[in-house]
Amino acid sequence: MSNNSINWVCKYIVLTLSLSAMFLVIGATIFTIAGRLNPSPDGDEGTLAHLFQIAILLLLPSGIAFIFTADWRRPKKVAKNLILPAVAVVVAFSVLYYMEYMY
C-alpha cells in the first residue's frame, strides 16, 4: 500500500471515530435528559461510555498514522482533513464536561 492510500484510509477512520464519539456523547446526553437513560448507582458507566472510550483510544493510532502518511507539501489539505474530526472531539469532550460538572 502506498502512503496516499494509507492516508486516505486513516482520514476516514479518524473522521468516523471522532463523529462516533461525538454522537455517542450527544445521544447519551439526550437520553439522560429525557429520562430514558439512568446512570447506574454502583458507578458502572455503561456500554455507551465504554464505546466512547474505545473510539477515543482508537483515534490515537489512526491519527498518528494519518499524520505520518500525510503529504506535507500541501499542509492546507492536511489541516482541512483534520478540522471536522477536531471539532467533533472538542464538542464530545465539551458535552461530557458539561454533563459531568454542570448538569
N, C-alpha and C. Protein backbone atom coordinates (compact mmCIF):
# COMPACT_ATOMS: atom_id res chain seq x y z
N MET A 1 0.83 -1.18 0.00
CA MET A 1 0.00 0.00 0.00
C MET A 1 0.88 1.25 0.00
N SER A 2 0.48 2.21 -0.76
CA SER A 2 1.25 3.45 -0.81
C SER A 2 0.83 4.37 0.35
N ASN A 3 1.63 5.40 0.56
CA ASN A 3 1.31 6.36 1.62
C ASN A 3 -0.01 7.07 1.35
N ASN A 4 -0.32 7.33 0.08
CA ASN A 4 -1.58 8.01 -0.24
C ASN A 4 -2.79 7.16 0.14
N SER A 5 -2.73 5.88 -0.14
CA SER A 5 -3.87 5.03 0.19
C SER A 5 -3.98 4.81 1.70
N ILE A 6 -2.86 4.69 2.39
CA ILE A 6 -2.90 4.57 3.85
C ILE A 6 -3.46 5.85 4.46
N ASN A 7 -3.04 6.98 3.94
CA ASN A 7 -3.53 8.26 4.43
C ASN A 7 -5.02 8.41 4.17
N TRP A 8 -5.48 7.98 3.01
CA TRP A 8 -6.90 8.06 2.68
C TRP A 8 -7.73 7.22 3.64
N VAL A 9 -7.28 6.00 3.93
CA VAL A 9 -8.00 5.12 4.86
C VAL A 9 -7.99 5.72 6.26
N CYS A 10 -6.83 6.20 6.70
CA CYS A 10 -6.72 6.79 8.05
C CYS A 10 -7.58 8.04 8.19
N LYS A 11 -7.70 8.81 7.12
CA LYS A 11 -8.53 10.01 7.15
C LYS A 11 -9.98 9.64 7.47
N TYR A 12 -10.48 8.61 6.83
CA TYR A 12 -11.86 8.21 7.08
C TYR A 12 -12.03 7.49 8.40
N ILE A 13 -11.02 6.80 8.86
CA ILE A 13 -11.10 6.18 10.18
C ILE A 13 -11.14 7.25 11.26
N VAL A 14 -10.29 8.27 11.14
CA VAL A 14 -10.28 9.37 12.11
C VAL A 14 -11.62 10.10 12.09
N LEU A 15 -12.15 10.36 10.92
CA LEU A 15 -13.43 11.04 10.81
C LEU A 15 -14.55 10.20 11.42
N THR A 16 -14.58 8.92 11.12
CA THR A 16 -15.62 8.04 11.64
C THR A 16 -15.54 7.91 13.15
N LEU A 17 -14.35 7.72 13.68
CA LEU A 17 -14.20 7.57 15.13
C LEU A 17 -14.55 8.85 15.88
N SER A 18 -14.14 9.99 15.36
CA SER A 18 -14.44 11.25 16.05
C SER A 18 -15.94 11.57 16.01
N LEU A 19 -16.57 11.35 14.86
CA LEU A 19 -18.02 11.57 14.79
C LEU A 19 -18.78 10.56 15.65
N SER A 20 -18.30 9.33 15.69
CA SER A 20 -18.94 8.32 16.55
C SER A 20 -18.85 8.72 18.01
N ALA A 21 -17.68 9.18 18.43
CA ALA A 21 -17.52 9.61 19.82
C ALA A 21 -18.46 10.78 20.13
N MET A 22 -18.55 11.73 19.22
CA MET A 22 -19.43 12.87 19.43
C MET A 22 -20.89 12.43 19.52
N PHE A 23 -21.32 11.60 18.59
CA PHE A 23 -22.73 11.18 18.60
C PHE A 23 -23.06 10.27 19.79
N LEU A 24 -22.10 9.50 20.26
CA LEU A 24 -22.33 8.69 21.45
C LEU A 24 -22.57 9.57 22.67
N VAL A 25 -21.76 10.61 22.83
CA VAL A 25 -21.92 11.51 23.98
C VAL A 25 -23.20 12.31 23.85
N ILE A 26 -23.47 12.84 22.68
CA ILE A 26 -24.69 13.64 22.49
C ILE A 26 -25.93 12.77 22.66
N GLY A 27 -25.90 11.56 22.10
CA GLY A 27 -27.03 10.65 22.26
C GLY A 27 -27.27 10.26 23.70
N ALA A 28 -26.21 9.94 24.43
CA ALA A 28 -26.35 9.60 25.84
C ALA A 28 -26.87 10.79 26.64
N THR A 29 -26.42 11.98 26.29
CA THR A 29 -26.89 13.18 26.97
C THR A 29 -28.37 13.42 26.72
N ILE A 30 -28.80 13.26 25.50
CA ILE A 30 -30.22 13.45 25.18
C ILE A 30 -31.07 12.42 25.90
N PHE A 31 -30.63 11.16 25.89
CA PHE A 31 -31.39 10.12 26.58
C PHE A 31 -31.40 10.33 28.09
N THR A 32 -30.31 10.83 28.65
CA THR A 32 -30.26 11.09 30.09
C THR A 32 -31.19 12.23 30.46
N ILE A 33 -31.16 13.30 29.70
CA ILE A 33 -32.04 14.44 29.99
C ILE A 33 -33.50 14.05 29.81
N ALA A 34 -33.80 13.22 28.81
CA ALA A 34 -35.17 12.78 28.58
C ALA A 34 -35.64 11.75 29.60
N GLY A 35 -34.74 11.24 30.41
CA GLY A 35 -35.10 10.27 31.44
C GLY A 35 -35.11 8.83 30.97
N ARG A 36 -34.64 8.57 29.79
CA ARG A 36 -34.64 7.20 29.26
C ARG A 36 -33.37 6.44 29.59
N LEU A 37 -32.35 7.14 30.05
CA LEU A 37 -31.08 6.51 30.39
C LEU A 37 -30.69 7.00 31.77
N ASN A 38 -30.69 6.09 32.73
CA ASN A 38 -30.34 6.45 34.09
C ASN A 38 -28.97 5.89 34.43
N PRO A 39 -28.06 6.76 34.90
CA PRO A 39 -26.74 6.26 35.28
C PRO A 39 -26.85 5.25 36.42
N SER A 40 -26.01 4.26 36.38
CA SER A 40 -26.02 3.21 37.39
C SER A 40 -25.51 3.75 38.73
N PRO A 41 -26.20 3.43 39.83
CA PRO A 41 -25.74 3.93 41.12
C PRO A 41 -24.45 3.26 41.61
N ASP A 42 -24.10 2.10 41.05
CA ASP A 42 -22.89 1.41 41.51
C ASP A 42 -21.63 1.93 40.84
N GLY A 43 -21.74 2.93 39.98
CA GLY A 43 -20.57 3.55 39.39
C GLY A 43 -20.18 3.02 38.02
N ASP A 44 -20.87 1.99 37.53
CA ASP A 44 -20.56 1.48 36.19
C ASP A 44 -21.06 2.50 35.17
N GLU A 45 -20.22 2.83 34.24
CA GLU A 45 -20.55 3.88 33.28
C GLU A 45 -21.48 3.40 32.18
N GLY A 46 -21.49 2.15 31.89
CA GLY A 46 -22.38 1.61 30.88
C GLY A 46 -21.71 1.43 29.53
N THR A 47 -22.46 0.83 28.63
CA THR A 47 -21.95 0.47 27.32
C THR A 47 -21.60 1.70 26.48
N LEU A 48 -22.44 2.73 26.52
CA LEU A 48 -22.17 3.92 25.71
C LEU A 48 -20.85 4.58 26.11
N ALA A 49 -20.59 4.63 27.41
CA ALA A 49 -19.33 5.23 27.87
C ALA A 49 -18.14 4.40 27.44
N HIS A 50 -18.27 3.09 27.48
CA HIS A 50 -17.16 2.23 27.05
C HIS A 50 -16.92 2.34 25.55
N LEU A 51 -17.98 2.46 24.77
CA LEU A 51 -17.82 2.65 23.33
C LEU A 51 -17.14 4.00 23.03
N PHE A 52 -17.50 5.03 23.80
CA PHE A 52 -16.85 6.33 23.65
C PHE A 52 -15.36 6.21 23.96
N GLN A 53 -15.03 5.54 25.04
CA GLN A 53 -13.63 5.38 25.43
C GLN A 53 -12.84 4.61 24.37
N ILE A 54 -13.44 3.59 23.80
CA ILE A 54 -12.77 2.82 22.74
C ILE A 54 -12.55 3.70 21.50
N ALA A 55 -13.57 4.49 21.14
CA ALA A 55 -13.43 5.38 19.97
C ALA A 55 -12.30 6.38 20.18
N ILE A 56 -12.22 6.97 21.36
CA ILE A 56 -11.17 7.94 21.66
C ILE A 56 -9.81 7.24 21.69
N LEU A 57 -9.75 6.06 22.25
CA LEU A 57 -8.49 5.31 22.30
C LEU A 57 -8.00 4.96 20.90
N LEU A 58 -8.90 4.57 20.01
CA LEU A 58 -8.50 4.20 18.65
C LEU A 58 -8.16 5.41 17.78
N LEU A 59 -8.59 6.60 18.22
CA LEU A 59 -8.22 7.81 17.48
C LEU A 59 -6.72 8.06 17.51
N LEU A 60 -6.06 7.68 18.59
CA LEU A 60 -4.63 7.95 18.71
C LEU A 60 -3.80 7.25 17.63
N PRO A 61 -3.88 5.91 17.48
CA PRO A 61 -3.05 5.29 16.44
C PRO A 61 -3.46 5.68 15.02
N SER A 62 -4.76 5.84 14.79
CA SER A 62 -5.17 6.23 13.44
C SER A 62 -4.79 7.67 13.13
N GLY A 63 -4.84 8.54 14.12
CA GLY A 63 -4.40 9.92 13.93
C GLY A 63 -2.91 10.02 13.68
N ILE A 64 -2.14 9.21 14.41
CA ILE A 64 -0.69 9.19 14.20
C ILE A 64 -0.37 8.67 12.80
N ALA A 65 -1.06 7.62 12.38
CA ALA A 65 -0.83 7.09 11.03
C ALA A 65 -1.22 8.12 9.98
N PHE A 66 -2.30 8.85 10.21
CA PHE A 66 -2.70 9.91 9.27
C PHE A 66 -1.63 10.99 9.17
N ILE A 67 -1.12 11.43 10.31
CA ILE A 67 -0.12 12.50 10.33
C ILE A 67 1.17 12.05 9.64
N PHE A 68 1.61 10.81 9.92
CA PHE A 68 2.87 10.35 9.35
C PHE A 68 2.79 10.04 7.85
N THR A 69 1.61 9.74 7.36
CA THR A 69 1.48 9.43 5.93
C THR A 69 0.96 10.62 5.12
N ALA A 70 0.77 11.76 5.77
CA ALA A 70 0.24 12.95 5.09
C ALA A 70 1.26 13.52 4.13
N ASP A 71 0.75 14.18 3.10
CA ASP A 71 1.60 14.87 2.14
C ASP A 71 1.82 16.29 2.66
N TRP A 72 2.96 16.50 3.28
CA TRP A 72 3.23 17.78 3.93
C TRP A 72 3.66 18.86 2.95
N ARG A 73 3.68 18.53 1.68
CA ARG A 73 3.89 19.59 0.69
C ARG A 73 2.62 20.41 0.52
N ARG A 74 1.50 19.86 0.97
CA ARG A 74 0.20 20.56 0.94
C ARG A 74 -0.38 20.60 2.36
N PRO A 75 0.15 21.45 3.24
CA PRO A 75 -0.33 21.46 4.63
C PRO A 75 -1.77 21.94 4.78
N LYS A 76 -2.25 22.78 3.84
CA LYS A 76 -3.65 23.22 3.94
C LYS A 76 -4.61 22.06 3.76
N LYS A 77 -4.28 21.14 2.88
CA LYS A 77 -5.14 19.97 2.66
C LYS A 77 -5.14 19.08 3.89
N VAL A 78 -3.98 18.91 4.50
CA VAL A 78 -3.88 18.10 5.72
C VAL A 78 -4.72 18.74 6.83
N ALA A 79 -4.58 20.05 7.00
CA ALA A 79 -5.35 20.76 8.03
C ALA A 79 -6.85 20.69 7.75
N LYS A 80 -7.22 20.81 6.49
CA LYS A 80 -8.64 20.75 6.12
C LYS A 80 -9.24 19.40 6.48
N ASN A 81 -8.45 18.33 6.31
CA ASN A 81 -8.94 17.00 6.63
C ASN A 81 -9.05 16.76 8.13
N LEU A 82 -8.42 17.60 8.94
CA LEU A 82 -8.46 17.41 10.39
C LEU A 82 -9.43 18.35 11.10
N ILE A 83 -10.02 19.30 10.38
CA ILE A 83 -10.90 20.28 11.02
C ILE A 83 -12.15 19.62 11.60
N LEU A 84 -12.88 18.88 10.79
CA LEU A 84 -14.12 18.26 11.27
C LEU A 84 -13.88 17.26 12.39
N PRO A 85 -12.89 16.36 12.29
CA PRO A 85 -12.63 15.47 13.42
C PRO A 85 -12.25 16.23 14.69
N ALA A 86 -11.47 17.29 14.57
CA ALA A 86 -11.08 18.06 15.75
C ALA A 86 -12.29 18.73 16.39
N VAL A 87 -13.16 19.30 15.58
CA VAL A 87 -14.37 19.93 16.10
C VAL A 87 -15.26 18.88 16.78
N ALA A 88 -15.38 17.71 16.19
CA ALA A 88 -16.21 16.66 16.77
C ALA A 88 -15.67 16.21 18.13
N VAL A 89 -14.36 16.08 18.25
CA VAL A 89 -13.77 15.67 19.53
C VAL A 89 -13.95 16.77 20.58
N VAL A 90 -13.77 18.03 20.18
CA VAL A 90 -13.97 19.14 21.12
C VAL A 90 -15.42 19.19 21.59
N VAL A 91 -16.36 19.02 20.68
CA VAL A 91 -17.78 19.01 21.05
C VAL A 91 -18.07 17.85 21.99
N ALA A 92 -17.53 16.67 21.69
CA ALA A 92 -17.77 15.50 22.54
C ALA A 92 -17.26 15.74 23.96
N PHE A 93 -16.04 16.24 24.09
CA PHE A 93 -15.49 16.47 25.42
C PHE A 93 -16.16 17.65 26.12
N SER A 94 -16.62 18.64 25.37
CA SER A 94 -17.34 19.76 25.97
C SER A 94 -18.68 19.30 26.55
N VAL A 95 -19.41 18.51 25.80
CA VAL A 95 -20.68 17.98 26.30
C VAL A 95 -20.45 17.06 27.48
N LEU A 96 -19.42 16.24 27.41
CA LEU A 96 -19.07 15.35 28.51
C LEU A 96 -18.73 16.15 29.76
N TYR A 97 -17.95 17.20 29.61
CA TYR A 97 -17.61 18.07 30.74
C TYR A 97 -18.86 18.72 31.32
N TYR A 98 -19.72 19.22 30.45
CA TYR A 98 -20.95 19.86 30.90
C TYR A 98 -21.81 18.89 31.70
N MET A 99 -21.97 17.69 31.18
CA MET A 99 -22.81 16.71 31.88
C MET A 99 -22.18 16.24 33.19
N GLU A 100 -20.87 16.23 33.26
CA GLU A 100 -20.20 15.75 34.46
C GLU A 100 -20.20 16.80 35.57
N TYR A 101 -19.97 18.07 35.22
CA TYR A 101 -19.76 19.08 36.24
C TYR A 101 -20.84 20.17 36.32
N MET A 102 -21.57 20.38 35.27
CA MET A 102 -22.54 21.48 35.26
C MET A 102 -23.98 21.03 35.41
N TYR A 103 -24.29 19.83 34.97
CA TYR A 103 -25.68 19.38 34.94
C TYR A 103 -26.06 18.78 36.26
